[in-house]
Structure formats: C-alpha cells, structure tokens
Amino acid sequence: LSDGNYDVPVKPSEFQGDRDAEWADIGCGYGGLVLELAANFPSKRIVGLEIRDRVHEYCELQLKTLREDYPGEYLNASFARTN
C-alpha cells in the first residue's frame, strides 16, 4: 500500500513530525486542508500526516513555494511522512 520502505513509529516518542502541533490532518493527501487552515488560522500550529512518499514530497514542495512567495506566512504549517 505504500510506495516505499518506511519504518512506522511504534510509540509517540519516535514520531518525527511537529510535536507541538495543535491540529493534525491525518492522511492529508496533497495538503490542501493543512495549507488553507494555516493561512486562515496563523496562531495555530498544524501538521499534515501522509504515508505516501511522493505525495509527502509534493506537500513539502508546496509549503516551501508558499513560504518563498509569502515571506513570514505558512510558518505554522508542517508535514510529516507517517501513518
């Protein structure tokens, strides 16, 4: 079901994402909801969780592009490759 080898974290301490996130989109797909929430709720930290490697890479690229296009914005959003 996954497009690559992935070691699933078996306990919360092994999670590699933003541990201080207040909102999570589990199975975030292409990250649209995460990015929209980040833009509309800048005081909330939001993490998108996606297991598919290529989709996660796309989310990271989208976030990087938005941060370059809108300096100082989208700093409250992040993505993690996990399930």
Protein backbone atom coordinates (compact mmCIF):
# COMPACT_ATOMS: atom_id res chain seq x y z
CA LEU A 1 0.00 0.00 0.00
CA SER A 2 2.98 2.30 0.41
CA ASP A 3 5.29 3.48 -2.35
CA GLY A 4 8.48 2.85 -0.41
CA ASN A 5 10.11 1.31 2.61
CA TYR A 6 9.02 3.07 5.75
CA ASP A 7 9.66 2.35 9.41
CA VAL A 8 6.43 3.10 11.21
CA PRO A 9 6.94 4.73 14.62
CA VAL A 10 5.65 2.29 17.22
CA LYS A 11 5.46 4.83 20.06
CA PRO A 12 4.88 8.58 20.20
CA SER A 13 8.49 9.34 21.15
CA GLU A 14 9.58 8.03 17.72
CA PHE A 15 7.35 10.47 15.80
CA GLN A 16 9.46 12.71 13.53
CA GLY A 17 6.89 15.49 13.00
CA ASP A 18 5.92 18.68 14.84
CA ARG A 19 5.20 17.58 18.41
CA ASP A 20 3.79 20.99 19.29
CA ALA A 21 1.11 20.98 16.59
CA GLU A 22 -2.36 21.80 17.82
CA TRP A 23 -4.22 20.43 14.81
CA ALA A 24 -3.43 17.37 12.68
CA ASP A 25 -4.76 16.29 9.31
CA ILE A 26 -4.24 12.53 9.28
CA GLY A 27 -3.94 11.21 5.75
CA CYS A 28 -3.58 14.76 4.45
CA GLY A 29 -3.18 13.79 0.80
CA TYR A 30 -1.90 16.75 -1.18
CA GLY A 31 -2.06 19.08 1.84
CA GLY A 32 -4.78 21.47 0.72
CA LEU A 33 -6.61 21.50 4.05
CA VAL A 34 -3.39 22.00 6.04
CA LEU A 35 -2.36 24.95 3.89
CA GLU A 36 -5.81 26.52 3.94
CA LEU A 37 -6.05 26.20 7.72
CA ALA A 38 -2.52 27.60 8.11
CA ALA A 39 -3.47 30.66 6.07
CA ASN A 40 -6.74 31.26 7.94
CA PHE A 41 -5.56 30.41 11.47
CA PRO A 42 -1.99 31.75 11.72
CA SER A 43 -1.90 31.34 15.51
CA LYS A 44 -2.44 27.55 15.29
CA ARG A 45 0.30 25.03 14.52
CA ILE A 46 -0.91 22.46 12.00
CA VAL A 47 0.71 19.23 10.83
CA GLY A 48 -0.31 17.09 7.88
CA LEU A 49 0.46 13.37 8.12
CA GLU A 50 0.89 11.40 4.90
CA ILE A 51 2.39 7.94 4.33
CA ARG A 52 2.95 8.11 0.56
CA ASP A 53 6.47 9.32 -0.13
CA ARG A 54 5.82 11.16 -3.37
CA VAL A 55 2.71 12.84 -2.01
CA HIS A 56 4.65 13.92 1.10
CA GLU A 57 7.39 15.35 -1.15
CA TYR A 58 4.72 17.28 -3.08
CA CYS A 59 3.34 18.73 0.17
CA GLU A 60 6.81 19.83 1.27
CA LEU A 61 7.42 21.46 -2.12
CA GLN A 62 4.08 23.29 -1.97
CA LEU A 63 4.87 24.56 1.52
CA LYS A 64 8.36 25.68 0.50
CA THR A 65 6.98 27.54 -2.52
CA LEU A 66 4.29 29.28 -0.45
CA ARG A 67 6.84 30.34 2.16
CA GLU A 68 9.04 31.81 -0.60
CA ASP A 69 6.11 33.58 -2.26
CA TYR A 70 4.66 34.87 1.04
CA PRO A 71 7.55 35.56 3.43
CA GLY A 72 6.60 35.24 7.10
CA GLU A 73 3.46 33.23 6.31
CA TYR A 74 2.82 29.47 6.48
CA LEU A 75 5.37 29.12 9.27
CA ASN A 76 2.67 27.39 11.33
CA ALA A 77 2.29 24.50 8.85
CA SER A 78 4.36 21.34 8.53
CA PHE A 79 4.14 17.88 7.03
CA ALA A 80 5.41 14.52 8.26
CA ARG A 81 5.70 11.21 6.46
CA THR A 82 3.95 8.81 8.77
CA ASN A 83 0.67 6.98 9.23
